């Protein structure tokens, strides 16, 4: 387990406000998995002020797209935008 965490930017209402509770739980789980993966990938990489944050990255799953940024200063994944393709 890593020390990396995740949060919504600017906040949950703006990022996942229109999703159902089940869909939000899916996004939360994916954000947690991304944060854990970044934490593992960053093991042994010292903090460099010139590289304080990543650019905007995406992760896709069959019905979910998440745009996020890695903040190396605070060991935090910032979830910026989510698209959930609902099955009708």
C-alpha atoms as a PDB file:
ATOM      1  CA  UNK A   1       0.000   0.000   0.000  1.00  0.00           C
ATOM      2  CA  UNK A   2       1.328   3.432  -0.897  1.00  0.00           C
ATOM      3  CA  UNK A   3       0.982   6.824   0.749  1.00  0.00           C
ATOM      4  CA  UNK A   4      -0.684   8.216  -2.360  1.00  0.00           C
ATOM      5  CA  UNK A   5      -4.237   9.458  -2.028  1.00  0.00           C
ATOM      6  CA  UNK A   6      -6.753  10.891  -4.469  1.00  0.00           C
ATOM      7  CA  UNK A   7      -9.332  13.652  -4.516  1.00  0.00           C
ATOM      8  CA  UNK A   8     -11.683  15.434  -6.892  1.00  0.00           C
ATOM      9  CA  UNK A   9     -10.670  18.786  -8.347  1.00  0.00           C
ATOM     10  CA  UNK A  10     -12.388  21.181  -7.897  1.00  0.00           C
ATOM     11  CA  UNK A  11     -14.803  18.979  -5.883  1.00  0.00           C
ATOM     12  CA  UNK A  12     -17.049  15.925  -6.164  1.00  0.00           C
ATOM     13  CA  UNK A  13     -20.129  17.947  -7.177  1.00  0.00           C
ATOM     14  CA  UNK A  14     -18.345  19.304 -10.261  1.00  0.00           C
ATOM     15  CA  UNK A  15     -16.695  16.020 -11.270  1.00  0.00           C
ATOM     16  CA  UNK A  16     -19.234  13.273 -10.475  1.00  0.00           C
ATOM     17  CA  UNK A  17     -22.294  15.237  -9.389  1.00  0.00           C
ATOM     18  CA  UNK A  18     -24.618  13.741 -12.011  1.00  0.00           C
ATOM     19  CA  UNK A  19     -23.698  10.100 -11.425  1.00  0.00           C
ATOM     20  CA  UNK A  20     -25.616   7.536  -9.405  1.00  0.00           C
ATOM     21  CA  UNK A  21     -24.219   6.272  -6.097  1.00  0.00           C
ATOM     22  CA  UNK A  22     -23.154   3.030  -7.796  1.00  0.00           C
ATOM     23  CA  UNK A  23     -21.367   4.899 -10.587  1.00  0.00           C
ATOM     24  CA  UNK A  24     -19.638   7.174  -8.079  1.00  0.00           C
ATOM     25  CA  UNK A  25     -18.450   4.094  -6.175  1.00  0.00           C
ATOM     26  CA  UNK A  26     -16.981   2.790  -9.448  1.00  0.00           C
ATOM     27  CA  UNK A  27     -15.131   6.061  -9.983  1.00  0.00           C
ATOM     28  CA  UNK A  28     -13.915   6.108  -6.366  1.00  0.00           C
ATOM     29  CA  UNK A  29     -12.575   2.565  -6.721  1.00  0.00           C
ATOM     30  CA  UNK A  30     -10.816   3.408  -9.980  1.00  0.00           C
ATOM     31  CA  UNK A  31      -9.282   6.571  -8.475  1.00  0.00           C
ATOM     32  CA  UNK A  32      -7.991   4.509  -5.535  1.00  0.00           C
ATOM     33  CA  UNK A  33      -6.441   1.954  -7.895  1.00  0.00           C
ATOM     34  CA  UNK A  34      -4.796   4.709  -9.955  1.00  0.00           C
ATOM     35  CA  UNK A  35      -3.351   6.314  -6.802  1.00  0.00           C
ATOM     36  CA  UNK A  36      -1.962   2.964  -5.649  1.00  0.00           C
ATOM     37  CA  UNK A  37      -0.389   2.332  -9.065  1.00  0.00           C
ATOM     38  CA  UNK A  38       1.212   5.785  -9.171  1.00  0.00           C
ATOM     39  CA  UNK A  39       2.592   5.254  -5.677  1.00  0.00           C
ATOM     40  CA  UNK A  40       4.226   1.999  -6.736  1.00  0.00           C
ATOM     41  CA  UNK A  41       5.571   3.513  -9.943  1.00  0.00           C
ATOM     42  CA  UNK A  42       7.086   6.458  -8.034  1.00  0.00           C
ATOM     43  CA  UNK A  43       9.003   4.313  -5.495  1.00  0.00           C
ATOM     44  CA  UNK A  44      12.628   5.441  -5.589  1.00  0.00           C
ATOM     45  CA  UNK A  45      11.896   8.636  -7.557  1.00  0.00           C
ATOM     46  CA  UNK A  46      12.952  11.600  -5.442  1.00  0.00           C
ATOM     47  CA  UNK A  47      10.816  14.733  -5.590  1.00  0.00           C
ATOM     48  CA  UNK A  48      12.037  17.225  -8.187  1.00  0.00           C
ATOM     49  CA  UNK A  49      10.510  20.718  -8.033  1.00  0.00           C
ATOM     50  CA  UNK A  50      10.832  20.996 -11.829  1.00  0.00           C
ATOM     51  CA  UNK A  51       8.476  18.019 -12.087  1.00  0.00           C
ATOM     52  CA  UNK A  52       5.895  18.932  -9.467  1.00  0.00           C
ATOM     53  CA  UNK A  53       2.864  17.614 -11.389  1.00  0.00           C
ATOM     54  CA  UNK A  54       2.096  15.577 -14.457  1.00  0.00           C
ATOM     55  CA  UNK A  55       0.102  16.753 -17.412  1.00  0.00           C
ATOM     56  CA  UNK A  56      -3.495  15.634 -17.723  1.00  0.00           C
ATOM     57  CA  UNK A  57      -3.648  11.855 -18.113  1.00  0.00           C
ATOM     58  CA  UNK A  58      -6.532   9.524 -18.950  1.00  0.00           C
ATOM     59  CA  UNK A  59      -7.530   6.043 -17.953  1.00  0.00           C
ATOM     60  CA  UNK A  60     -10.297   4.179 -19.730  1.00  0.00           C
ATOM     61  CA  UNK A  61     -12.310   1.119 -18.911  1.00  0.00           C
ATOM     62  CA  UNK A  62     -15.127  -0.324 -21.029  1.00  0.00           C
ATOM     63  CA  UNK A  63     -17.733   2.206 -19.831  1.00  0.00           C
ATOM     64  CA  UNK A  64     -15.691   4.768 -17.915  1.00  0.00           C
ATOM     65  CA  UNK A  65     -13.143   7.459 -18.786  1.00  0.00           C
ATOM     66  CA  UNK A  66     -11.259   9.362 -16.069  1.00  0.00           C
ATOM     67  CA  UNK A  67      -9.047  12.395 -16.672  1.00  0.00           C
ATOM     68  CA  UNK A  68      -6.594  12.993 -13.849  1.00  0.00           C
ATOM     69  CA  UNK A  69      -3.336  14.633 -12.867  1.00  0.00           C
ATOM     70  CA  UNK A  70      -0.560  13.340 -10.610  1.00  0.00           C
ATOM     71  CA  UNK A  71       0.547  15.897  -8.017  1.00  0.00           C
ATOM     72  CA  UNK A  72       4.030  14.825  -6.891  1.00  0.00           C
ATOM     73  CA  UNK A  73       4.240  17.557  -4.224  1.00  0.00           C
ATOM     74  CA  UNK A  74       1.374  16.093  -2.201  1.00  0.00           C
ATOM     75  CA  UNK A  75       1.412  12.459  -3.442  1.00  0.00           C
ATOM     76  CA  UNK A  76      -2.138  12.935  -4.673  1.00  0.00           C
ATOM     77  CA  UNK A  77      -4.036  11.940  -7.794  1.00  0.00           C
ATOM     78  CA  UNK A  78      -6.423  14.740  -8.767  1.00  0.00           C
ATOM     79  CA  UNK A  79      -9.523  13.453 -10.575  1.00  0.00           C
ATOM     80  CA  UNK A  80     -10.500  16.248 -12.951  1.00  0.00           C
ATOM     81  CA  UNK A  81     -13.253  14.850 -15.158  1.00  0.00           C
ATOM     82  CA  UNK A  82     -15.255  11.648 -15.537  1.00  0.00           C
ATOM     83  CA  UNK A  83     -17.421  10.275 -18.328  1.00  0.00           C
ATOM     84  CA  UNK A  84     -19.533   7.253 -17.498  1.00  0.00           C
ATOM     85  CA  UNK A  85     -21.244   5.541 -20.415  1.00  0.00           C
ATOM     86  CA  UNK A  86     -24.387   4.169 -18.847  1.00  0.00           C
ATOM     87  CA  UNK A  87     -26.071   1.045 -20.130  1.00  0.00           C
ATOM     88  CA  UNK A  88     -29.654   1.963 -20.948  1.00  0.00           C
END
